[in-house]
């Protein structure tokens, strides 16, 4: 009996390793890009009514009924001010409460 030595193809093994690593890197990159787009703020200037002044900033209500933290302000409750409001926060709040 003559023995045959079967050597694994190292080139094929390296290629499949690089392909798997590339697919994983592409998936991670796409996930990162999606999360950055979804969580990045989109601020618009809106007229809001201050409803409370707290240590964490002023809490205001937008004209469409969302409570938002507008940060530090020199206003009193009941006063209307222009403030930057994150529109994505409002979108997420609407998704959490579909009865609006």
PDB file of N, CA and C in Angstrom:
ATOM      1  N   UNK A   1       0.835  -1.185   0.000  1.00  0.00           N
ATOM      2  CA  UNK A   1       0.000   0.000   0.000  1.00  0.00           C
ATOM      3  C   UNK A   1       0.871   1.235   0.000  1.00  0.00           C
ATOM      4  N   UNK A   2       0.579   2.041  -0.898  1.00  0.00           N
ATOM      5  CA  UNK A   2       1.328   3.274  -0.909  1.00  0.00           C
ATOM      6  C   UNK A   2       0.487   4.348  -0.239  1.00  0.00           C
ATOM      7  N   UNK A   3       1.073   5.074   0.648  1.00  0.00           N
ATOM      8  CA  UNK A   3       0.360   6.130   1.367  1.00  0.00           C
ATOM      9  C   UNK A   3       0.386   7.425   0.585  1.00  0.00           C
ATOM     10  N   UNK A   4      -0.744   8.060   0.555  1.00  0.00           N
ATOM     11  CA  UNK A   4      -0.806   9.349  -0.120  1.00  0.00           C
ATOM     12  C   UNK A   4      -0.972  10.417   0.935  1.00  0.00           C
ATOM     13  N   UNK A   5      -0.191  11.393   0.814  1.00  0.00           N
ATOM     14  CA  UNK A   5      -0.279  12.521   1.734  1.00  0.00           C
ATOM     15  C   UNK A   5      -1.192  13.577   1.122  1.00  0.00           C
ATOM     16  N   UNK A   6      -2.251  13.864   1.835  1.00  0.00           N
ATOM     17  CA  UNK A   6      -3.177  14.901   1.374  1.00  0.00           C
ATOM     18  C   UNK A   6      -2.879  16.150   2.183  1.00  0.00           C
ATOM     19  N   UNK A   7      -2.446  17.148   1.503  1.00  0.00           N
ATOM     20  CA  UNK A   7      -2.119  18.414   2.163  1.00  0.00           C
ATOM     21  C   UNK A   7      -3.285  19.377   1.976  1.00  0.00           C
ATOM     22  N   UNK A   8      -3.720  19.988   3.050  1.00  0.00           N
ATOM     23  CA  UNK A   8      -4.807  20.960   2.890  1.00  0.00           C
ATOM     24  C   UNK A   8      -4.318  22.154   2.091  1.00  0.00           C
ATOM     25  N   UNK A   9      -5.227  22.718   1.337  1.00  0.00           N
ATOM     26  CA  UNK A   9      -4.907  23.868   0.506  1.00  0.00           C
ATOM     27  C   UNK A   9      -4.891  25.105   1.394  1.00  0.00           C
ATOM     28  N   UNK A  10      -3.703  25.567   1.747  1.00  0.00           N
ATOM     29  CA  UNK A  10      -3.565  26.709   2.658  1.00  0.00           C
ATOM     30  C   UNK A  10      -4.036  28.007   2.009  1.00  0.00           C
ATOM     31  N   UNK A  11      -3.880  28.121   0.693  1.00  0.00           N
ATOM     32  CA  UNK A  11      -4.301  29.330  -0.003  1.00  0.00           C
ATOM     33  C   UNK A  11      -5.814  29.482   0.058  1.00  0.00           C
ATOM     34  N   UNK A  12      -6.533  28.396  -0.116  1.00  0.00           N
ATOM     35  CA  UNK A  12      -7.998  28.422  -0.050  1.00  0.00           C
ATOM     36  C   UNK A  12      -8.471  28.763   1.358  1.00  0.00           C
ATOM     37  N   UNK A  13      -7.771  28.231   2.351  1.00  0.00           N
ATOM     38  CA  UNK A  13      -8.121  28.508   3.751  1.00  0.00           C
ATOM     39  C   UNK A  13      -7.921  29.988   4.076  1.00  0.00           C
ATOM     40  N   UNK A  14      -6.832  30.570   3.576  1.00  0.00           N
ATOM     41  CA  UNK A  14      -6.580  31.998   3.817  1.00  0.00           C
ATOM     42  C   UNK A  14      -7.624  32.862   3.121  1.00  0.00           C
ATOM     43  N   UNK A  15      -7.981  32.494   1.906  1.00  0.00           N
ATOM     44  CA  UNK A  15      -8.983  33.270   1.171  1.00  0.00           C
ATOM     45  C   UNK A  15     -10.327  33.256   1.882  1.00  0.00           C
ATOM     46  N   UNK A  16     -10.747  32.103   2.374  1.00  0.00           N
ATOM     47  CA  UNK A  16     -12.045  32.045   3.061  1.00  0.00           C
ATOM     48  C   UNK A  16     -11.996  32.823   4.373  1.00  0.00           C
ATOM     49  N   UNK A  17     -10.847  32.832   5.036  1.00  0.00           N
ATOM     50  CA  UNK A  17     -10.704  33.614   6.266  1.00  0.00           C
ATOM     51  C   UNK A  17     -10.834  35.103   5.959  1.00  0.00           C
ATOM     52  N   UNK A  18     -10.209  35.560   4.887  1.00  0.00           N
ATOM     53  CA  UNK A  18     -10.308  36.971   4.506  1.00  0.00           C
ATOM     54  C   UNK A  18     -11.730  37.331   4.076  1.00  0.00           C
ATOM     55  N   UNK A  19     -12.406  36.441   3.410  1.00  0.00           N
ATOM     56  CA  UNK A  19     -13.789  36.702   2.992  1.00  0.00           C
ATOM     57  C   UNK A  19     -14.692  36.820   4.206  1.00  0.00           C
ATOM     58  N   UNK A  20     -14.549  35.914   5.163  1.00  0.00           N
ATOM     59  CA  UNK A  20     -15.365  35.963   6.382  1.00  0.00           C
ATOM     60  C   UNK A  20     -15.072  37.238   7.163  1.00  0.00           C
ATOM     61  N   UNK A  21     -13.803  37.594   7.297  1.00  0.00           N
ATOM     62  CA  UNK A  21     -13.429  38.826   8.008  1.00  0.00           C
ATOM     63  C   UNK A  21     -13.986  40.049   7.288  1.00  0.00           C
ATOM     64  N   UNK A  22     -13.958  40.045   5.960  1.00  0.00           N
ATOM     65  CA  UNK A  22     -14.504  41.168   5.195  1.00  0.00           C
ATOM     66  C   UNK A  22     -16.002  41.313   5.375  1.00  0.00           C
ATOM     67  N   UNK A  23     -16.728  40.200   5.396  1.00  0.00           N
ATOM     68  CA  UNK A  23     -18.176  40.246   5.595  1.00  0.00           C
ATOM     69  C   UNK A  23     -18.503  40.767   6.992  1.00  0.00           C
ATOM     70  N   UNK A  24     -17.753  40.320   7.987  1.00  0.00           N
ATOM     71  CA  UNK A  24     -17.979  40.787   9.361  1.00  0.00           C
ATOM     72  C   UNK A  24     -17.671  42.283   9.467  1.00  0.00           C
ATOM     73  N   UNK A  25     -16.583  42.739   8.860  1.00  0.00           N
ATOM     74  CA  UNK A  25     -16.223  44.164   8.899  1.00  0.00           C
ATOM     75  C   UNK A  25     -17.267  45.008   8.180  1.00  0.00           C
ATOM     76  N   UNK A  26     -17.761  44.541   7.050  1.00  0.00           N
ATOM     77  CA  UNK A  26     -18.790  45.268   6.322  1.00  0.00           C
ATOM     78  C   UNK A  26     -20.076  45.364   7.144  1.00  0.00           C
ATOM     79  N   UNK A  27     -20.461  44.260   7.767  1.00  0.00           N
ATOM     80  CA  UNK A  27     -21.658  44.274   8.615  1.00  0.00           C
ATOM     81  C   UNK A  27     -21.514  45.226   9.795  1.00  0.00           C
ATOM     82  N   UNK A  28     -20.348  45.209  10.422  1.00  0.00           N
ATOM     83  CA  UNK A  28     -20.108  46.119  11.556  1.00  0.00           C
ATOM     84  C   UNK A  28     -20.127  47.566  11.096  1.00  0.00           C
ATOM     85  N   UNK A  29     -19.551  47.841   9.931  1.00  0.00           N
ATOM     86  CA  UNK A  29     -19.536  49.207   9.401  1.00  0.00           C
ATOM     87  C   UNK A  29     -20.939  49.701   9.081  1.00  0.00           C
ATOM     88  N   UNK A  30     -21.750  48.840   8.476  1.00  0.00           N
ATOM     89  CA  UNK A  30     -23.130  49.225   8.170  1.00  0.00           C
ATOM     90  C   UNK A  30     -23.942  49.453   9.437  1.00  0.00           C
ATOM     91  N   UNK A  31     -23.749  48.598  10.435  1.00  0.00           N
ATOM     92  CA  UNK A  31     -24.451  48.778  11.708  1.00  0.00           C
ATOM     93  C   UNK A  31     -24.042  50.092  12.366  1.00  0.00           C
ATOM     94  N   UNK A  32     -22.755  50.404  12.363  1.00  0.00           N
ATOM     95  CA  UNK A  32     -22.262  51.655  12.940  1.00  0.00           C
ATOM     96  C   UNK A  32     -22.855  52.860  12.217  1.00  0.00           C
ATOM     97  N   UNK A  33     -22.886  52.813  10.885  1.00  0.00           N
ATOM     98  CA  UNK A  33     -23.439  53.930  10.113  1.00  0.00           C
ATOM     99  C   UNK A  33     -24.925  54.115  10.404  1.00  0.00           C
ATOM    100  N   UNK A  34     -25.671  53.034  10.505  1.00  0.00           N
ATOM    101  CA  UNK A  34     -27.100  53.116  10.812  1.00  0.00           C
ATOM    102  C   UNK A  34     -27.317  53.720  12.193  1.00  0.00           C
ATOM    103  N   UNK A  35     -26.563  53.245  13.176  1.00  0.00           N
ATOM    104  CA  UNK A  35     -26.733  53.760  14.536  1.00  0.00           C
ATOM    105  C   UNK A  35     -26.346  55.229  14.637  1.00  0.00           C
ATOM    106  N   UNK A  36     -25.321  55.650  13.920  1.00  0.00           N
ATOM    107  CA  UNK A  36     -24.929  57.053  13.946  1.00  0.00           C
ATOM    108  C   UNK A  36     -26.016  57.927  13.320  1.00  0.00           C
ATOM    109  N   UNK A  37     -26.624  57.455  12.260  1.00  0.00           N
ATOM    110  CA  UNK A  37     -27.692  58.221  11.625  1.00  0.00           C
ATOM    111  C   UNK A  37     -28.914  58.281  12.530  1.00  0.00           C
ATOM    112  N   UNK A  38     -29.257  57.180  13.172  1.00  0.00           N
ATOM    113  CA  UNK A  38     -30.464  57.114  13.984  1.00  0.00           C
ATOM    114  C   UNK A  38     -30.334  57.926  15.266  1.00  0.00           C
ATOM    115  N   UNK A  39     -29.162  57.942  15.848  1.00  0.00           N
ATOM    116  CA  UNK A  39     -29.016  58.613  17.144  1.00  0.00           C
ATOM    117  C   UNK A  39     -28.475  60.032  17.048  1.00  0.00           C
ATOM    118  N   UNK A  40     -27.993  60.442  15.900  1.00  0.00           N
ATOM    119  CA  UNK A  40     -27.461  61.805  15.789  1.00  0.00           C
ATOM    120  C   UNK A  40     -28.607  62.814  15.856  1.00  0.00           C
ATOM    121  N   UNK A  41     -28.428  63.890  16.594  1.00  0.00           N
ATOM    122  CA  UNK A  41     -29.516  64.858  16.758  1.00  0.00           C
ATOM    123  C   UNK A  41     -29.799  65.654  15.489  1.00  0.00           C
ATOM    124  N   UNK A  42     -31.039  66.052  15.372  1.00  0.00           N
ATOM    125  CA  UNK A  42     -31.462  66.922  14.266  1.00  0.00           C
ATOM    126  C   UNK A  42     -32.235  68.073  14.909  1.00  0.00           C
ATOM    127  N   UNK A  43     -31.541  69.185  15.159  1.00  0.00           N
ATOM    128  CA  UNK A  43     -32.140  70.305  15.887  1.00  0.00           C
ATOM    129  C   UNK A  43     -32.826  71.290  14.949  1.00  0.00           C
ATOM    130  N   UNK A  44     -34.005  71.738  15.374  1.00  0.00           N
ATOM    131  CA  UNK A  44     -34.729  72.814  14.701  1.00  0.00           C
ATOM    132  C   UNK A  44     -35.132  73.832  15.750  1.00  0.00           C
ATOM    133  N   UNK A  45     -35.168  75.084  15.369  1.00  0.00           N
ATOM    134  CA  UNK A  45     -35.614  76.140  16.274  1.00  0.00           C
ATOM    135  C   UNK A  45     -37.140  76.116  16.330  1.00  0.00           C
ATOM    136  N   UNK A  46     -37.685  76.046  17.547  1.00  0.00           N
ATOM    137  CA  UNK A  46     -39.137  76.023  17.734  1.00  0.00           C
ATOM    138  C   UNK A  46     -39.533  76.942  18.870  1.00  0.00           C
ATOM    139  N   UNK A  47     -40.762  77.416  18.814  1.00  0.00           N
ATOM    140  CA  UNK A  47     -41.341  78.163  19.921  1.00  0.00           C
ATOM    141  C   UNK A  47     -41.894  77.125  20.907  1.00  0.00           C
ATOM    142  N   UNK A  48     -41.432  77.197  22.161  1.00  0.00           N
ATOM    143  CA  UNK A  48     -41.867  76.255  23.186  1.00  0.00           C
ATOM    144  C   UNK A  48     -42.332  77.013  24.419  1.00  0.00           C
ATOM    145  N   UNK A  49     -43.146  76.341  25.206  1.00  0.00           N
ATOM    146  CA  UNK A  49     -43.637  76.924  26.459  1.00  0.00           C
ATOM    147  C   UNK A  49     -42.912  76.255  27.615  1.00  0.00           C
ATOM    148  N   UNK A  50     -42.209  77.042  28.427  1.00  0.00           N
ATOM    149  CA  UNK A  50     -41.472  76.508  29.571  1.00  0.00           C
ATOM    150  C   UNK A  50     -42.491  76.038  30.608  1.00  0.00           C
ATOM    151  N   UNK A  51     -42.352  74.778  31.041  1.00  0.00           N
ATOM    152  CA  UNK A  51     -43.286  74.256  32.048  1.00  0.00           C
ATOM    153  C   UNK A  51     -42.609  74.023  33.394  1.00  0.00           C
ATOM    154  N   UNK A  52     -41.265  73.929  33.397  1.00  0.00           N
ATOM    155  CA  UNK A  52     -40.548  73.761  34.665  1.00  0.00           C
ATOM    156  C   UNK A  52     -39.091  74.151  34.475  1.00  0.00           C
ATOM    157  N   UNK A  53     -38.497  74.634  35.560  1.00  0.00           N
ATOM    158  CA  UNK A  53     -37.067  74.932  35.575  1.00  0.00           C
ATOM    159  C   UNK A  53     -36.451  74.011  36.621  1.00  0.00           C
ATOM    160  N   UNK A  54     -35.538  73.127  36.185  1.00  0.00           N
ATOM    161  CA  UNK A  54     -34.927  72.139  37.078  1.00  0.00           C
ATOM    162  C   UNK A  54     -33.413  72.324  37.086  1.00  0.00           C
ATOM    163  N   UNK A  55     -32.734  71.510  37.897  1.00  0.00           N
ATOM    164  CA  UNK A  55     -31.271  71.550  37.946  1.00  0.00           C
ATOM    165  C   UNK A  55     -30.667  71.074  36.630  1.00  0.00           C
ATOM    166  N   UNK A  56     -31.394  70.221  35.895  1.00  0.00           N
ATOM    167  CA  UNK A  56     -30.885  69.685  34.627  1.00  0.00           C
ATOM    168  C   UNK A  56     -31.229  70.563  33.434  1.00  0.00           C
ATOM    169  N   UNK A  57     -31.901  71.659  33.661  1.00  0.00           N
ATOM    170  CA  UNK A  57     -32.278  72.565  32.583  1.00  0.00           C
ATOM    171  C   UNK A  57     -33.770  72.820  32.590  1.00  0.00           C
ATOM    172  N   UNK A  58     -34.221  73.557  31.610  1.00  0.00           N
ATOM    173  CA  UNK A  58     -35.636  73.897  31.513  1.00  0.00           C
ATOM    174  C   UNK A  58     -36.376  72.809  30.746  1.00  0.00           C
ATOM    175  N   UNK A  59     -37.524  72.428  31.278  1.00  0.00           N
ATOM    176  CA  UNK A  59     -38.406  71.480  30.607  1.00  0.00           C
ATOM    177  C   UNK A  59     -39.482  72.319  29.932  1.00  0.00           C
ATOM    178  N   UNK A  60     -39.667  72.058  28.645  1.00  0.00           N
ATOM    179  CA  UNK A  60     -40.619  72.848  27.870  1.00  0.00           C
ATOM    180  C   UNK A  60     -41.548  71.916  27.105  1.00  0.00           C
ATOM    181  N   UNK A  61     -42.658  72.471  26.676  1.00  0.00           N
ATOM    182  CA  UNK A  61     -43.611  71.732  25.858  1.00  0.00           C
ATOM    183  C   UNK A  61     -43.648  72.361  24.474  1.00  0.00           C
ATOM    184  N   UNK A  62     -43.494  71.523  23.449  1.00  0.00           N
ATOM    185  CA  UNK A  62     -43.541  72.024  22.085  1.00  0.00           C
ATOM    186  C   UNK A  62     -44.994  72.301  21.704  1.00  0.00           C
ATOM    187  N   UNK A  63     -45.191  73.003  20.597  1.00  0.00           N
ATOM    188  CA  UNK A  63     -46.538  73.334  20.155  1.00  0.00           C
ATOM    189  C   UNK A  63     -47.344  72.092  19.771  1.00  0.00           C
ATOM    190  N   UNK A  64     -46.643  70.995  19.444  1.00  0.00           N
ATOM    191  CA  UNK A  64     -47.363  69.763  19.131  1.00  0.00           C
ATOM    192  C   UNK A  64     -47.440  68.814  20.319  1.00  0.00           C
ATOM    193  N   UNK A  65     -47.123  69.305  21.530  1.00  0.00           N
ATOM    194  CA  UNK A  65     -47.406  68.575  22.761  1.00  0.00           C
ATOM    195  C   UNK A  65     -46.326  67.670  23.307  1.00  0.00           C
ATOM    196  N   UNK A  66     -45.086  67.792  22.881  1.00  0.00           N
ATOM    197  CA  UNK A  66     -44.001  66.959  23.394  1.00  0.00           C
ATOM    198  C   UNK A  66     -43.220  67.707  24.456  1.00  0.00           C
ATOM    199  N   UNK A  67     -42.899  67.015  25.550  1.00  0.00           N
ATOM    200  CA  UNK A  67     -42.064  67.595  26.597  1.00  0.00           C
ATOM    201  C   UNK A  67     -40.606  67.371  26.224  1.00  0.00           C
ATOM    202  N   UNK A  68     -39.815  68.429  26.246  1.00  0.00           N
ATOM    203  CA  UNK A  68     -38.401  68.349  25.882  1.00  0.00           C
ATOM    204  C   UNK A  68     -37.566  69.134  26.879  1.00  0.00           C
ATOM    205  N   UNK A  69     -36.332  68.700  27.066  1.00  0.00           N
ATOM    206  CA  UNK A  69     -35.389  69.434  27.895  1.00  0.00           C
ATOM    207  C   UNK A  69     -34.607  70.350  26.957  1.00  0.00           C
ATOM    208  N   UNK A  70     -34.711  71.651  27.181  1.00  0.00           N
ATOM    209  CA  UNK A  70     -34.046  72.611  26.293  1.00  0.00           C
ATOM    210  C   UNK A  70     -32.750  73.143  26.885  1.00  0.00           C
ATOM    211  N   UNK A  71     -32.345  72.610  28.011  1.00  0.00           N
ATOM    212  CA  UNK A  71     -31.087  73.038  28.635  1.00  0.00           C
ATOM    213  C   UNK A  71     -31.288  74.280  29.486  1.00  0.00           C
ATOM    214  N   UNK A  72     -30.201  74.923  29.802  1.00  0.00           N
ATOM    215  CA  UNK A  72     -30.248  76.126  30.641  1.00  0.00           C
ATOM    216  C   UNK A  72     -31.032  77.239  29.945  1.00  0.00           C
ATOM    217  N   UNK A  73     -31.875  77.907  30.711  1.00  0.00           N
ATOM    218  CA  UNK A  73     -32.605  79.045  30.158  1.00  0.00           C
ATOM    219  C   UNK A  73     -32.913  80.040  31.272  1.00  0.00           C
ATOM    220  N   UNK A  74     -33.146  81.269  30.897  1.00  0.00           N
ATOM    221  CA  UNK A  74     -33.515  82.331  31.840  1.00  0.00           C
ATOM    222  C   UNK A  74     -34.990  82.642  31.660  1.00  0.00           C
ATOM    223  N   UNK A  75     -35.828  81.665  31.920  1.00  0.00           N
ATOM    224  CA  UNK A  75     -37.264  81.848  31.736  1.00  0.00           C
ATOM    225  C   UNK A  75     -37.993  81.337  32.970  1.00  0.00           C
ATOM    226  N   UNK A  76     -39.229  81.720  33.063  1.00  0.00           N
ATOM    227  CA  UNK A  76     -40.077  81.247  34.157  1.00  0.00           C
ATOM    228  C   UNK A  76     -41.150  80.343  33.571  1.00  0.00           C
ATOM    229  N   UNK A  77     -41.697  79.438  34.375  1.00  0.00           N
ATOM    230  CA  UNK A  77     -42.766  78.567  33.873  1.00  0.00           C
ATOM    231  C   UNK A  77     -43.930  79.384  33.310  1.00  0.00           C
ATOM    232  N   UNK A  78     -44.414  78.961  32.155  1.00  0.00           N
ATOM    233  CA  UNK A  78     -45.498  79.657  31.474  1.00  0.00           C
ATOM    234  C   UNK A  78     -45.031  80.595  30.379  1.00  0.00           C
ATOM    235  N   UNK A  79     -43.744  80.884  30.337  1.00  0.00           N
ATOM    236  CA  UNK A  79     -43.191  81.803  29.346  1.00  0.00           C
ATOM    237  C   UNK A  79     -42.869  81.052  28.055  1.00  0.00           C
ATOM    238  N   UNK A  80     -43.084  81.726  26.918  1.00  0.00           N
ATOM    239  CA  UNK A  80     -42.757  81.148  25.618  1.00  0.00           C
ATOM    240  C   UNK A  80     -41.372  81.620  25.196  1.00  0.00           C
ATOM    241  N   UNK A  81     -40.544  80.686  24.723  1.00  0.00           N
ATOM    242  CA  UNK A  81     -39.197  81.005  24.271  1.00  0.00           C
ATOM    243  C   UNK A  81     -38.904  80.225  22.987  1.00  0.00           C
ATOM    244  N   UNK A  82     -37.941  80.718  22.208  1.00  0.00           N
ATOM    245  CA  UNK A  82     -37.437  79.969  21.066  1.00  0.00           C
ATOM    246  C   UNK A  82     -36.295  79.085  21.563  1.00  0.00           C
ATOM    247  N   UNK A  83     -36.319  77.807  21.179  1.00  0.00           N
ATOM    248  CA  UNK A  83     -35.287  76.878  21.628  1.00  0.00           C
ATOM    249  C   UNK A  83     -35.003  75.848  20.545  1.00  0.00           C
ATOM    250  N   UNK A  84     -33.800  75.306  20.595  1.00  0.00           N
ATOM    251  CA  UNK A  84     -33.451  74.210  19.698  1.00  0.00           C
ATOM    252  C   UNK A  84     -34.059  72.926  20.244  1.00  0.00           C
ATOM    253  N   UNK A  85     -34.813  72.233  19.395  1.00  0.00           N
ATOM    254  CA  UNK A  85     -35.488  71.000  19.802  1.00  0.00           C
ATOM    255  C   UNK A  85     -35.022  69.881  18.881  1.00  0.00           C
ATOM    256  N   UNK A  86     -34.626  68.758  19.486  1.00  0.00           N
ATOM    257  CA  UNK A  86     -34.187  67.590  18.719  1.00  0.00           C
ATOM    258  C   UNK A  86     -35.412  66.891  18.133  1.00  0.00           C
ATOM    259  N   UNK A  87     -35.528  66.911  16.819  1.00  0.00           N
ATOM    260  CA  UNK A  87     -36.690  66.329  16.143  1.00  0.00           C
ATOM    261  C   UNK A  87     -36.715  64.808  16.256  1.00  0.00           C
ATOM    262  N   UNK A  88     -35.561  64.176  16.339  1.00  0.00           N
ATOM    263  CA  UNK A  88     -35.523  62.720  16.446  1.00  0.00           C
ATOM    264  C   UNK A  88     -36.038  62.258  17.806  1.00  0.00           C
ATOM    265  N   UNK A  89     -35.855  63.070  18.840  1.00  0.00           N
ATOM    266  CA  UNK A  89     -36.419  62.736  20.141  1.00  0.00           C
ATOM    267  C   UNK A  89     -37.939  62.731  20.063  1.00  0.00           C
ATOM    268  N   UNK A  90     -38.487  63.704  19.360  1.00  0.00           N
ATOM    269  CA  UNK A  90     -39.941  63.745  19.184  1.00  0.00           C
ATOM    270  C   UNK A  90     -40.428  62.547  18.377  1.00  0.00           C
ATOM    271  N   UNK A  91     -39.689  62.155  17.341  1.00  0.00           N
ATOM    272  CA  UNK A  91     -40.075  60.995  16.532  1.00  0.00           C
ATOM    273  C   UNK A  91     -40.090  59.728  17.366  1.00  0.00           C
ATOM    274  N   UNK A  92     -39.054  59.546  18.201  1.00  0.00           N
ATOM    275  CA  UNK A  92     -38.998  58.353  19.052  1.00  0.00           C
ATOM    276  C   UNK A  92     -40.112  58.377  20.096  1.00  0.00           C
ATOM    277  N   UNK A  93     -40.436  59.551  20.622  1.00  0.00           N
ATOM    278  CA  UNK A  93     -41.520  59.649  21.592  1.00  0.00           C
ATOM    279  C   UNK A  93     -42.852  59.289  20.933  1.00  0.00           C
ATOM    280  N   UNK A  94     -43.046  59.703  19.689  1.00  0.00           N
ATOM    281  CA  UNK A  94     -44.278  59.372  18.970  1.00  0.00           C
ATOM    282  C   UNK A  94     -44.382  57.867  18.726  1.00  0.00           C
ATOM    283  N   UNK A  95     -43.256  57.226  18.469  1.00  0.00           N
ATOM    284  CA  UNK A  95     -43.273  55.769  18.267  1.00  0.00           C
ATOM    285  C   UNK A  95     -43.583  55.025  19.554  1.00  0.00           C
ATOM    286  N   UNK A  96     -43.180  55.601  20.685  1.00  0.00           N
ATOM    287  CA  UNK A  96     -43.439  54.947  21.972  1.00  0.00           C
ATOM    288  C   UNK A  96     -44.876  55.121  22.436  1.00  0.00           C
ATOM    289  N   UNK A  97     -45.557  56.161  21.942  1.00  0.00           N
ATOM    290  CA  UNK A  97     -46.932  56.433  22.355  1.00  0.00           C
ATOM    291  C   UNK A  97     -47.789  56.616  21.100  1.00  0.00           C
ATOM    292  N   UNK A  98     -48.280  55.531  20.527  1.00  0.00           N
ATOM    293  CA  UNK A  98     -49.008  55.627  19.256  1.00  0.00           C
ATOM    294  C   UNK A  98     -50.425  56.211  19.377  1.00  0.00           C
ATOM    295  N   UNK A  99     -50.850  56.575  20.588  1.00  0.00           N
ATOM    296  CA  UNK A  99     -52.212  57.103  20.754  1.00  0.00           C
ATOM    297  C   UNK A  99     -52.305  58.569  20.411  1.00  0.00           C
ATOM    298  N   UNK A 100     -51.182  59.250  20.194  1.00  0.00           N
ATOM    299  CA  UNK A 100     -51.218  60.687  19.865  1.00  0.00           C
ATOM    300  C   UNK A 100     -51.814  60.923  18.522  1.00  0.00           C
TER     301      UNK A 100
END
